[in-house]
N, C-alpha and C. Protein backbone atom coordinates (compact mmCIF):
# COMPACT_ATOMS: atom_id res chain seq x y z
N ALA A 1 -9.04 31.72 -33.36
CA ALA A 1 -8.35 30.44 -33.38
C ALA A 1 -7.22 30.45 -34.41
N GLU A 2 -7.49 31.13 -35.57
CA GLU A 2 -6.46 31.19 -36.60
C GLU A 2 -5.27 32.04 -36.14
N MET A 3 -5.54 33.10 -35.36
CA MET A 3 -4.45 33.94 -34.87
C MET A 3 -3.56 33.16 -33.91
N ALA A 4 -4.18 32.35 -33.07
CA ALA A 4 -3.40 31.54 -32.13
C ALA A 4 -2.54 30.55 -32.88
N ALA A 5 -3.09 29.94 -33.93
CA ALA A 5 -2.32 28.99 -34.74
C ALA A 5 -1.18 29.70 -35.46
N ALA A 6 -1.43 30.91 -35.91
CA ALA A 6 -0.38 31.67 -36.59
C ALA A 6 0.74 32.03 -35.62
N ARG A 7 0.38 32.36 -34.40
CA ARG A 7 1.40 32.69 -33.39
C ARG A 7 2.27 31.47 -33.09
N LEU A 8 1.63 30.32 -32.94
CA LEU A 8 2.38 29.10 -32.64
C LEU A 8 3.32 28.74 -33.78
N SER A 9 2.82 28.81 -35.00
CA SER A 9 3.67 28.44 -36.13
C SER A 9 4.81 29.44 -36.29
N GLY A 10 4.59 30.69 -35.93
CA GLY A 10 5.64 31.70 -36.00
C GLY A 10 6.78 31.41 -35.03
N THR A 11 6.45 30.94 -33.85
CA THR A 11 7.49 30.64 -32.87
C THR A 11 8.21 29.35 -33.21
N GLU A 12 7.53 28.42 -33.85
CA GLU A 12 8.17 27.16 -34.22
C GLU A 12 9.19 27.37 -35.33
N ASN A 13 8.94 28.31 -36.23
CA ASN A 13 9.84 28.54 -37.35
C ASN A 13 11.08 29.33 -36.94
N ARG A 14 11.01 30.04 -35.83
CA ARG A 14 12.14 30.86 -35.39
C ARG A 14 13.23 29.95 -34.80
N LEU A 15 14.45 30.12 -35.24
CA LEU A 15 15.56 29.32 -34.75
C LEU A 15 16.20 29.99 -33.54
N VAL A 16 16.65 29.16 -32.63
CA VAL A 16 17.33 29.67 -31.45
C VAL A 16 18.82 29.70 -31.76
N SER A 17 19.44 30.82 -31.54
CA SER A 17 20.88 30.91 -31.79
C SER A 17 21.63 30.86 -30.47
N LEU A 18 22.65 30.04 -30.43
CA LEU A 18 23.48 29.90 -29.24
C LEU A 18 24.87 30.43 -29.55
N PRO A 19 25.53 31.03 -28.58
CA PRO A 19 26.88 31.53 -28.83
C PRO A 19 27.86 30.37 -29.00
N LEU A 20 28.49 30.31 -30.15
CA LEU A 20 29.42 29.21 -30.45
C LEU A 20 30.62 29.20 -29.52
N SER A 21 31.10 30.36 -29.13
CA SER A 21 32.26 30.40 -28.25
C SER A 21 31.96 29.73 -26.91
N ARG A 22 30.77 29.95 -26.38
CA ARG A 22 30.37 29.33 -25.11
C ARG A 22 30.24 27.81 -25.28
N ILE A 23 29.69 27.37 -26.38
CA ILE A 23 29.54 25.94 -26.65
C ILE A 23 30.90 25.28 -26.75
N ARG A 24 31.85 25.92 -27.41
CA ARG A 24 33.20 25.36 -27.53
C ARG A 24 33.86 25.23 -26.16
N VAL A 25 33.68 26.23 -25.31
CA VAL A 25 34.26 26.19 -23.97
C VAL A 25 33.68 25.01 -23.19
N ILE A 26 32.38 24.82 -23.27
CA ILE A 26 31.73 23.72 -22.56
C ILE A 26 32.22 22.38 -23.10
N MET A 27 32.36 22.26 -24.41
CA MET A 27 32.81 21.00 -25.01
C MET A 27 34.25 20.68 -24.62
N LYS A 28 35.08 21.70 -24.46
CA LYS A 28 36.48 21.48 -24.11
C LYS A 28 36.66 21.20 -22.62
N SER A 29 35.69 21.57 -21.81
CA SER A 29 35.79 21.39 -20.36
C SER A 29 35.77 19.91 -20.01
N SER A 30 36.55 19.56 -19.02
CA SER A 30 36.56 18.17 -18.58
C SER A 30 35.37 17.93 -17.64
N PRO A 31 34.89 16.71 -17.56
CA PRO A 31 33.77 16.41 -16.67
C PRO A 31 34.11 16.67 -15.20
N GLU A 32 35.37 16.40 -14.83
CA GLU A 32 35.79 16.63 -13.45
C GLU A 32 35.72 18.11 -13.10
N GLU A 33 36.15 18.93 -14.04
CA GLU A 33 36.14 20.37 -13.83
C GLU A 33 34.70 20.87 -13.67
N LEU A 34 33.81 20.37 -14.50
CA LEU A 34 32.41 20.78 -14.42
C LEU A 34 31.79 20.30 -13.11
N PHE A 35 32.15 19.10 -12.65
CA PHE A 35 31.63 18.58 -11.39
C PHE A 35 32.08 19.44 -10.22
N VAL A 36 33.36 19.76 -10.17
CA VAL A 36 33.89 20.58 -9.08
C VAL A 36 33.24 21.96 -9.10
N GLN A 37 33.04 22.50 -10.28
CA GLN A 37 32.38 23.80 -10.39
C GLN A 37 30.94 23.71 -9.87
N TYR A 38 30.23 22.64 -10.22
CA TYR A 38 28.85 22.46 -9.76
C TYR A 38 28.81 22.29 -8.24
N LEU A 39 29.72 21.48 -7.69
CA LEU A 39 29.78 21.27 -6.24
C LEU A 39 30.05 22.59 -5.52
N ALA A 40 31.01 23.34 -6.01
CA ALA A 40 31.35 24.62 -5.38
C ALA A 40 30.19 25.61 -5.46
N THR A 41 29.56 25.70 -6.61
CA THR A 41 28.44 26.63 -6.79
C THR A 41 27.27 26.24 -5.89
N TYR A 42 26.95 24.95 -5.85
CA TYR A 42 25.84 24.47 -5.02
C TYR A 42 26.14 24.74 -3.54
N SER A 43 27.37 24.43 -3.11
CA SER A 43 27.75 24.63 -1.71
C SER A 43 27.71 26.11 -1.34
N TYR A 44 28.15 26.95 -2.24
CA TYR A 44 28.15 28.39 -2.00
C TYR A 44 26.73 28.92 -1.85
N LYS A 45 25.85 28.49 -2.76
CA LYS A 45 24.47 28.98 -2.74
C LYS A 45 23.69 28.48 -1.53
N HIS A 46 23.94 27.24 -1.11
CA HIS A 46 23.17 26.65 -0.02
C HIS A 46 23.88 26.71 1.33
N GLY A 47 25.07 27.25 1.36
CA GLY A 47 25.82 27.34 2.61
C GLY A 47 25.84 28.76 3.12
N ARG A 48 26.81 29.01 3.98
CA ARG A 48 26.96 30.35 4.55
C ARG A 48 27.92 31.20 3.74
N GLY A 49 28.31 30.71 2.59
CA GLY A 49 29.26 31.42 1.74
C GLY A 49 28.79 32.79 1.32
N LYS A 50 27.49 32.92 1.11
CA LYS A 50 26.95 34.21 0.68
C LYS A 50 27.16 35.27 1.75
N GLU A 51 27.01 34.88 3.01
CA GLU A 51 27.17 35.83 4.11
C GLU A 51 28.60 36.35 4.17
N LYS A 52 29.55 35.44 4.04
CA LYS A 52 30.96 35.79 4.16
C LYS A 52 31.61 36.11 2.81
N ASN A 53 30.87 35.86 1.75
CA ASN A 53 31.39 36.01 0.39
C ASN A 53 32.61 35.11 0.17
N ALA A 54 32.53 33.90 0.75
CA ALA A 54 33.61 32.92 0.62
C ALA A 54 33.04 31.52 0.76
N LEU A 55 33.70 30.57 0.15
CA LEU A 55 33.30 29.17 0.25
C LEU A 55 34.23 28.49 1.25
N THR A 56 33.65 27.81 2.24
CA THR A 56 34.46 27.19 3.28
C THR A 56 34.32 25.67 3.24
N TYR A 57 35.23 25.00 3.94
CA TYR A 57 35.17 23.55 4.05
C TYR A 57 33.85 23.12 4.69
N THR A 58 33.39 23.88 5.65
CA THR A 58 32.12 23.57 6.33
C THR A 58 30.97 23.55 5.33
N ASP A 59 30.96 24.49 4.40
CA ASP A 59 29.92 24.52 3.37
C ASP A 59 29.95 23.24 2.53
N LEU A 60 31.16 22.83 2.15
CA LEU A 60 31.31 21.62 1.33
C LEU A 60 30.88 20.38 2.11
N SER A 61 31.31 20.25 3.37
CA SER A 61 30.95 19.06 4.14
C SER A 61 29.45 19.02 4.42
N HIS A 62 28.85 20.18 4.64
CA HIS A 62 27.40 20.24 4.86
C HIS A 62 26.65 19.79 3.60
N THR A 63 27.12 20.22 2.45
CA THR A 63 26.52 19.82 1.18
C THR A 63 26.63 18.31 0.99
N ALA A 64 27.80 17.75 1.28
CA ALA A 64 28.00 16.31 1.12
C ALA A 64 27.09 15.52 2.04
N GLU A 65 26.82 16.06 3.21
CA GLU A 65 25.98 15.36 4.17
C GLU A 65 24.49 15.51 3.88
N GLU A 66 24.07 16.69 3.47
CA GLU A 66 22.65 16.99 3.33
C GLU A 66 22.07 16.73 1.94
N CYS A 67 22.84 16.95 0.91
CA CYS A 67 22.32 16.82 -0.46
C CYS A 67 22.49 15.38 -0.95
N GLU A 68 21.40 14.79 -1.39
CA GLU A 68 21.43 13.40 -1.85
C GLU A 68 22.37 13.21 -3.04
N THR A 69 22.48 14.20 -3.89
CA THR A 69 23.35 14.11 -5.06
C THR A 69 24.81 13.92 -4.67
N PHE A 70 25.21 14.52 -3.55
CA PHE A 70 26.61 14.48 -3.13
C PHE A 70 26.86 13.55 -1.94
N GLN A 71 25.92 12.66 -1.63
CA GLN A 71 26.07 11.76 -0.49
C GLN A 71 27.33 10.91 -0.57
N PHE A 72 27.74 10.54 -1.76
CA PHE A 72 28.92 9.69 -1.91
C PHE A 72 30.20 10.39 -1.46
N LEU A 73 30.16 11.69 -1.26
CA LEU A 73 31.32 12.45 -0.80
C LEU A 73 31.39 12.57 0.72
N ALA A 74 30.41 12.03 1.42
CA ALA A 74 30.35 12.20 2.88
C ALA A 74 31.60 11.64 3.57
N ASP A 75 32.16 10.54 3.08
CA ASP A 75 33.36 9.98 3.69
C ASP A 75 34.60 10.81 3.37
N ILE A 76 34.60 11.45 2.24
CA ILE A 76 35.75 12.25 1.82
C ILE A 76 35.71 13.64 2.46
N LEU A 77 34.52 14.16 2.67
CA LEU A 77 34.34 15.50 3.25
C LEU A 77 33.58 15.40 4.58
N PRO A 78 34.17 14.78 5.60
CA PRO A 78 33.44 14.68 6.88
C PRO A 78 33.40 16.03 7.58
N LYS A 79 32.46 16.16 8.51
CA LYS A 79 32.41 17.39 9.29
C LYS A 79 33.63 17.45 10.19
N LYS A 80 34.17 18.64 10.35
CA LYS A 80 35.34 18.81 11.21
C LYS A 80 34.94 18.64 12.66
N ILE A 81 35.83 18.05 13.43
CA ILE A 81 35.61 17.87 14.85
C ILE A 81 36.93 18.13 15.56
N LEU A 82 36.86 18.76 16.72
CA LEU A 82 38.07 19.03 17.48
C LEU A 82 38.64 17.74 18.03
N ALA A 83 39.95 17.67 18.14
CA ALA A 83 40.61 16.47 18.64
C ALA A 83 40.15 16.16 20.06
N SER A 84 39.95 17.16 20.88
CA SER A 84 39.51 16.93 22.26
C SER A 84 38.13 16.27 22.29
N LYS A 85 37.23 16.73 21.43
CA LYS A 85 35.89 16.11 21.36
C LYS A 85 35.99 14.67 20.88
N TYR A 86 36.86 14.44 19.89
CA TYR A 86 37.02 13.09 19.35
C TYR A 86 37.56 12.15 20.42
N LEU A 87 38.53 12.60 21.21
CA LEU A 87 39.09 11.76 22.28
C LEU A 87 38.03 11.45 23.33
N LYS A 88 37.19 12.43 23.66
CA LYS A 88 36.11 12.20 24.61
C LYS A 88 35.13 11.16 24.07
N MET A 89 34.82 11.25 22.77
CA MET A 89 33.92 10.27 22.15
C MET A 89 34.52 8.87 22.21
N LEU A 90 35.82 8.76 21.95
CA LEU A 90 36.48 7.45 22.01
C LEU A 90 36.45 6.88 23.42
N GLU A 91 36.71 7.73 24.42
CA GLU A 91 36.67 7.28 25.81
C GLU A 91 35.27 6.79 26.18
N LYS A 92 34.25 7.54 25.76
CA LYS A 92 32.87 7.15 26.06
C LYS A 92 32.53 5.82 25.40
N GLU A 93 32.93 5.64 24.13
CA GLU A 93 32.67 4.38 23.44
C GLU A 93 33.39 3.23 24.14
N LYS A 94 34.60 3.49 24.60
CA LYS A 94 35.37 2.46 25.29
C LYS A 94 34.68 2.06 26.59
N ARG A 95 34.21 3.07 27.36
CA ARG A 95 33.49 2.79 28.60
C ARG A 95 32.20 2.02 28.32
N ASP A 96 31.47 2.44 27.29
CA ASP A 96 30.22 1.75 26.93
C ASP A 96 30.51 0.31 26.53
N GLY A 97 31.59 0.09 25.82
CA GLY A 97 31.97 -1.26 25.42
C GLY A 97 32.32 -2.13 26.61
N GLU A 98 33.02 -1.55 27.61
CA GLU A 98 33.38 -2.30 28.81
C GLU A 98 32.13 -2.65 29.61
N VAL A 99 31.18 -1.74 29.70
CA VAL A 99 29.94 -2.00 30.42
C VAL A 99 29.18 -3.12 29.74
N ARG A 100 29.13 -3.13 28.43
CA ARG A 100 28.43 -4.19 27.70
C ARG A 100 29.10 -5.54 27.94
N GLU A 101 30.43 -5.56 27.93
CA GLU A 101 31.15 -6.81 28.17
C GLU A 101 30.86 -7.33 29.56
N ASP A 102 30.82 -6.44 30.57
CA ASP A 102 30.52 -6.85 31.93
C ASP A 102 29.11 -7.43 32.01
N ASN A 103 28.15 -6.82 31.33
CA ASN A 103 26.78 -7.32 31.32
C ASN A 103 26.71 -8.69 30.65
N ASP A 104 27.45 -8.89 29.58
CA ASP A 104 27.47 -10.17 28.89
C ASP A 104 28.05 -11.25 29.79
N GLU A 105 29.11 -10.94 30.54
CA GLU A 105 29.72 -11.91 31.45
C GLU A 105 28.76 -12.26 32.57
N ASP A 106 28.03 -11.28 33.12
CA ASP A 106 27.05 -11.53 34.17
C ASP A 106 25.95 -12.46 33.67
N GLU A 107 25.48 -12.26 32.45
CA GLU A 107 24.44 -13.10 31.88
C GLU A 107 24.94 -14.52 31.70
N GLU A 108 26.19 -14.69 31.27
CA GLU A 108 26.76 -16.02 31.09
C GLU A 108 26.88 -16.75 32.42
N GLU A 109 27.28 -16.04 33.49
CA GLU A 109 27.39 -16.65 34.81
C GLU A 109 26.03 -17.08 35.31
N GLU A 110 24.99 -16.28 35.08
CA GLU A 110 23.64 -16.63 35.50
C GLU A 110 23.16 -17.88 34.77
N GLU A 111 23.48 -18.01 33.50
CA GLU A 111 23.07 -19.18 32.73
C GLU A 111 23.79 -20.43 33.24
N GLU A 112 25.05 -20.32 33.64
CA GLU A 112 25.80 -21.46 34.15
C GLU A 112 25.26 -21.90 35.51
N ASP A 113 24.80 -20.95 36.33
CA ASP A 113 24.28 -21.26 37.66
C ASP A 113 22.98 -22.03 37.56
N GLU A 114 22.24 -21.86 36.51
CA GLU A 114 20.93 -22.51 36.37
C GLU A 114 21.10 -23.91 36.01
């Protein structure tokens, strides 16, 4: 028991030394710079960047969508979509909207007939 206590007290008395040059660099860094570095590193590690040895927009947008920490960036970093797909989506929404309006008009006519 005394040996265990001696070991613990020995580690408590030892000071941890940190490299001052690294601390100065961190202190001089701007928060924005550190945030961008963290976002890029996280996206690279969790994306396909390792396979290609590159960080892509897709990696960043996937991180913004999937990681709760970066959810606020989802509007700024949306997933890329081809213009042709987007136009098809708009046409479909327009058709769906017209169908709903027709159904609403039919329901109103039925109510008036009663």
